[in-house]
Amino acid sequence: MYAAEGVISLMDASVKPEKLRELTGEEIAGKIKEYKTELFNLRFQNAVGHLKNTSRIREVRKTIARLMTIAGEKAASKPEKEADNAE
């Protein structure tokens, strides 16, 4: 599977926050949903005993936390921008 330039692959071991900040709110929400689905699948595989790389669970959890933090930052800065435009 080839990843296009600027596209974040789900198999990236560690996604840099700089790249995530370039995404729009909808893209971040989509990525959170994708990673949560992956996390569910990893947990299921681990419970059944088929997961070989258990550290991937931790990586995915941390990536979800990064995405949620950046989404919160964008949401917090959005009203400030709207207030500046109103003046």
N, C-alpha and C. Protein backbone atom coordinates (compact mmCIF):
# COMPACT_ATOMS: atom_id res chain seq x y z
N MET A 1 0.85 -1.17 0.00
CA MET A 1 0.00 0.00 0.00
C MET A 1 0.89 1.23 0.00
N TYR A 2 0.69 2.11 -0.96
CA TYR A 2 1.48 3.32 -1.06
C TYR A 2 0.68 4.49 -0.53
N ALA A 3 1.33 5.33 0.24
CA ALA A 3 0.66 6.52 0.79
C ALA A 3 1.05 7.72 -0.05
N ALA A 4 0.07 8.49 -0.46
CA ALA A 4 0.33 9.71 -1.22
C ALA A 4 0.96 10.75 -0.31
N GLU A 5 1.66 11.69 -0.91
CA GLU A 5 2.29 12.73 -0.12
C GLU A 5 1.23 13.54 0.61
N GLY A 6 1.43 13.78 1.90
CA GLY A 6 0.47 14.55 2.68
C GLY A 6 -0.63 13.70 3.30
N VAL A 7 -0.69 12.43 2.94
CA VAL A 7 -1.72 11.55 3.50
C VAL A 7 -1.10 10.77 4.64
N ILE A 8 -1.80 10.72 5.76
CA ILE A 8 -1.29 10.03 6.93
C ILE A 8 -1.80 8.60 6.90
N SER A 9 -0.88 7.67 6.88
CA SER A 9 -1.24 6.26 6.85
C SER A 9 -1.53 5.76 8.26
N LEU A 10 -2.46 4.84 8.40
CA LEU A 10 -2.77 4.28 9.70
C LEU A 10 -1.63 3.43 10.23
N MET A 11 -0.72 3.01 9.38
CA MET A 11 0.37 2.16 9.81
C MET A 11 1.58 2.96 10.28
N ASP A 12 1.52 4.31 10.24
CA ASP A 12 2.61 5.12 10.76
C ASP A 12 2.79 4.81 12.23
N ALA A 13 4.03 4.56 12.63
CA ALA A 13 4.29 4.22 14.03
C ALA A 13 4.00 5.42 14.93
N SER A 14 4.43 6.58 14.51
CA SER A 14 4.21 7.78 15.32
C SER A 14 3.87 8.93 14.39
N VAL A 15 2.70 9.48 14.55
CA VAL A 15 2.26 10.56 13.69
C VAL A 15 2.69 11.87 14.35
N LYS A 16 3.37 12.71 13.60
CA LYS A 16 3.87 13.97 14.14
C LYS A 16 2.72 14.98 14.30
N PRO A 17 2.68 15.67 15.42
CA PRO A 17 1.62 16.67 15.65
C PRO A 17 1.61 17.78 14.60
N GLU A 18 2.76 18.11 14.04
CA GLU A 18 2.81 19.16 13.01
C GLU A 18 1.96 18.77 11.80
N LYS A 19 2.05 17.50 11.42
CA LYS A 19 1.26 17.03 10.27
C LYS A 19 -0.23 17.00 10.62
N LEU A 20 -0.54 16.65 11.86
CA LEU A 20 -1.94 16.57 12.27
C LEU A 20 -2.58 17.96 12.33
N ARG A 21 -1.81 18.97 12.70
CA ARG A 21 -2.36 20.33 12.80
C ARG A 21 -2.74 20.89 11.44
N GLU A 22 -2.19 20.33 10.36
CA GLU A 22 -2.52 20.78 9.01
C GLU A 22 -3.89 20.28 8.56
N LEU A 23 -4.44 19.29 9.25
CA LEU A 23 -5.73 18.71 8.87
C LEU A 23 -6.88 19.61 9.30
N THR A 24 -8.00 19.49 8.59
CA THR A 24 -9.21 20.23 8.96
C THR A 24 -9.93 19.48 10.08
N GLY A 25 -10.94 20.12 10.65
CA GLY A 25 -11.70 19.50 11.73
C GLY A 25 -12.37 18.21 11.32
N GLU A 26 -12.93 18.18 10.10
CA GLU A 26 -13.61 16.97 9.63
C GLU A 26 -12.61 15.85 9.40
N GLU A 27 -11.43 16.20 8.88
CA GLU A 27 -10.40 15.18 8.65
C GLU A 27 -9.91 14.59 9.98
N ILE A 28 -9.76 15.45 10.98
CA ILE A 28 -9.34 14.98 12.30
C ILE A 28 -10.39 14.05 12.88
N ALA A 29 -11.66 14.42 12.76
CA ALA A 29 -12.75 13.56 13.27
C ALA A 29 -12.74 12.21 12.55
N GLY A 30 -12.49 12.22 11.25
CA GLY A 30 -12.42 10.97 10.50
C GLY A 30 -11.26 10.11 10.94
N LYS A 31 -10.10 10.74 11.19
CA LYS A 31 -8.93 9.99 11.64
C LYS A 31 -9.17 9.39 13.03
N ILE A 32 -9.84 10.15 13.91
CA ILE A 32 -10.15 9.62 15.24
C ILE A 32 -11.01 8.37 15.11
N LYS A 33 -12.00 8.45 14.23
CA LYS A 33 -12.89 7.30 14.03
C LYS A 33 -12.11 6.10 13.49
N GLU A 34 -11.22 6.34 12.53
CA GLU A 34 -10.42 5.25 11.96
C GLU A 34 -9.52 4.61 13.02
N TYR A 35 -8.86 5.45 13.82
CA TYR A 35 -7.97 4.91 14.85
C TYR A 35 -8.75 4.18 15.93
N LYS A 36 -9.94 4.66 16.28
CA LYS A 36 -10.74 3.96 17.28
C LYS A 36 -11.17 2.59 16.76
N THR A 37 -11.49 2.52 15.47
CA THR A 37 -11.83 1.23 14.86
C THR A 37 -10.63 0.30 14.90
N GLU A 38 -9.46 0.84 14.57
CA GLU A 38 -8.24 0.03 14.62
C GLU A 38 -7.97 -0.45 16.04
N LEU A 39 -8.17 0.44 17.02
CA LEU A 39 -7.95 0.08 18.42
C LEU A 39 -8.89 -1.05 18.85
N PHE A 40 -10.15 -0.96 18.42
CA PHE A 40 -11.11 -2.02 18.73
C PHE A 40 -10.64 -3.35 18.16
N ASN A 41 -10.19 -3.32 16.90
CA ASN A 41 -9.73 -4.55 16.26
C ASN A 41 -8.48 -5.11 16.95
N LEU A 42 -7.56 -4.22 17.34
CA LEU A 42 -6.36 -4.67 18.04
C LEU A 42 -6.70 -5.30 19.39
N ARG A 43 -7.62 -4.68 20.12
CA ARG A 43 -8.03 -5.24 21.41
C ARG A 43 -8.70 -6.60 21.24
N PHE A 44 -9.50 -6.71 20.20
CA PHE A 44 -10.17 -7.98 19.93
C PHE A 44 -9.13 -9.06 19.61
N GLN A 45 -8.17 -8.73 18.74
CA GLN A 45 -7.12 -9.68 18.38
C GLN A 45 -6.32 -10.08 19.61
N ASN A 46 -6.06 -9.11 20.49
CA ASN A 46 -5.30 -9.40 21.70
C ASN A 46 -6.07 -10.34 22.62
N ALA A 47 -7.37 -10.12 22.73
CA ALA A 47 -8.20 -10.96 23.60
C ALA A 47 -8.25 -12.40 23.10
N VAL A 48 -8.23 -12.57 21.77
CA VAL A 48 -8.31 -13.91 21.20
C VAL A 48 -6.93 -14.56 21.15
N GLY A 49 -5.88 -13.75 21.33
CA GLY A 49 -4.53 -14.30 21.32
C GLY A 49 -3.86 -14.28 19.97
N HIS A 50 -4.37 -13.48 19.03
CA HIS A 50 -3.80 -13.44 17.68
C HIS A 50 -2.92 -12.22 17.43
N LEU A 51 -2.82 -11.33 18.40
CA LEU A 51 -2.04 -10.10 18.20
C LEU A 51 -0.58 -10.37 18.51
N LYS A 52 0.29 -10.11 17.52
CA LYS A 52 1.71 -10.34 17.70
C LYS A 52 2.42 -9.08 18.20
N ASN A 53 2.00 -7.90 17.74
CA ASN A 53 2.66 -6.65 18.12
C ASN A 53 1.75 -5.90 19.10
N THR A 54 1.87 -6.24 20.37
CA THR A 54 0.98 -5.64 21.37
C THR A 54 1.30 -4.17 21.62
N SER A 55 2.48 -3.71 21.27
CA SER A 55 2.82 -2.30 21.47
C SER A 55 2.03 -1.39 20.54
N ARG A 56 1.46 -1.95 19.50
CA ARG A 56 0.65 -1.16 18.57
C ARG A 56 -0.58 -0.58 19.28
N ILE A 57 -1.12 -1.29 20.27
CA ILE A 57 -2.27 -0.80 21.03
C ILE A 57 -1.91 0.53 21.70
N ARG A 58 -0.75 0.57 22.31
CA ARG A 58 -0.30 1.79 22.99
C ARG A 58 -0.09 2.93 21.99
N GLU A 59 0.51 2.62 20.83
CA GLU A 59 0.76 3.64 19.81
C GLU A 59 -0.56 4.25 19.33
N VAL A 60 -1.55 3.40 19.09
CA VAL A 60 -2.84 3.87 18.59
C VAL A 60 -3.54 4.72 19.65
N ARG A 61 -3.49 4.28 20.92
CA ARG A 61 -4.09 5.07 22.00
C ARG A 61 -3.47 6.46 22.08
N LYS A 62 -2.16 6.53 21.96
CA LYS A 62 -1.47 7.82 22.03
C LYS A 62 -1.80 8.69 20.83
N THR A 63 -1.94 8.09 19.66
CA THR A 63 -2.30 8.85 18.47
C THR A 63 -3.71 9.41 18.60
N ILE A 64 -4.63 8.63 19.15
CA ILE A 64 -5.99 9.12 19.39
C ILE A 64 -5.95 10.30 20.34
N ALA A 65 -5.14 10.21 21.39
CA ALA A 65 -5.01 11.31 22.35
C ALA A 65 -4.45 12.55 21.67
N ARG A 66 -3.46 12.38 20.79
CA ARG A 66 -2.90 13.53 20.04
C ARG A 66 -3.98 14.19 19.20
N LEU A 67 -4.74 13.37 18.48
CA LEU A 67 -5.79 13.90 17.62
C LEU A 67 -6.85 14.65 18.42
N MET A 68 -7.24 14.08 19.56
CA MET A 68 -8.26 14.73 20.38
C MET A 68 -7.73 16.04 20.98
N THR A 69 -6.46 16.08 21.32
CA THR A 69 -5.86 17.31 21.84
C THR A 69 -5.85 18.39 20.77
N ILE A 70 -5.45 18.03 19.56
CA ILE A 70 -5.41 19.00 18.47
C ILE A 70 -6.82 19.46 18.11
N ALA A 71 -7.79 18.54 18.14
CA ALA A 71 -9.18 18.93 17.88
C ALA A 71 -9.66 19.93 18.93
N GLY A 72 -9.29 19.70 20.18
CA GLY A 72 -9.65 20.63 21.25
C GLY A 72 -8.99 21.98 21.08
N GLU A 73 -7.74 21.99 20.65
CA GLU A 73 -7.03 23.25 20.40
C GLU A 73 -7.71 24.04 19.30
N LYS A 74 -8.09 23.34 18.24
CA LYS A 74 -8.76 24.02 17.12
C LYS A 74 -10.12 24.56 17.55
N ALA A 75 -10.85 23.79 18.35
CA ALA A 75 -12.17 24.24 18.82
C ALA A 75 -12.03 25.45 19.74
N ALA A 76 -10.99 25.46 20.56
CA ALA A 76 -10.78 26.57 21.49
C ALA A 76 -10.35 27.85 20.76
N SER A 77 -9.61 27.70 19.68
CA SER A 77 -9.13 28.87 18.94
C SER A 77 -10.17 29.39 17.96
N LYS A 78 -11.17 28.59 17.63
CA LYS A 78 -12.17 28.99 16.65
C LYS A 78 -13.00 30.20 17.11
N PRO A 79 -13.53 30.25 18.34
CA PRO A 79 -14.30 31.41 18.77
C PRO A 79 -13.46 32.70 18.80
N GLU A 80 -12.17 32.57 19.09
CA GLU A 80 -11.30 33.74 19.10
C GLU A 80 -11.21 34.34 17.71
N LYS A 81 -11.08 33.49 16.69
CA LYS A 81 -11.00 33.99 15.32
C LYS A 81 -12.30 34.64 14.90
N GLU A 82 -13.44 34.06 15.30
CA GLU A 82 -14.72 34.64 14.95
C GLU A 82 -14.91 35.98 15.64
N ALA A 83 -14.45 36.11 16.87
CA ALA A 83 -14.57 37.38 17.61
C ALA A 83 -13.71 38.45 16.95
N ASP A 84 -12.55 38.07 16.44
CA ASP A 84 -11.69 39.04 15.76
C ASP A 84 -12.34 39.54 14.49
N ASN A 85 -13.05 38.67 13.77
CA ASN A 85 -13.71 39.06 12.53
C ASN A 85 -14.91 39.95 12.79
N ALA A 86 -15.56 39.82 13.94
CA ALA A 86 -16.76 40.59 14.26
C ALA A 86 -16.43 42.04 14.58
N GLU A 87 -15.22 42.31 15.02
CA GLU A 87 -14.85 43.68 15.41
C GLU A 87 -14.57 44.55 14.24
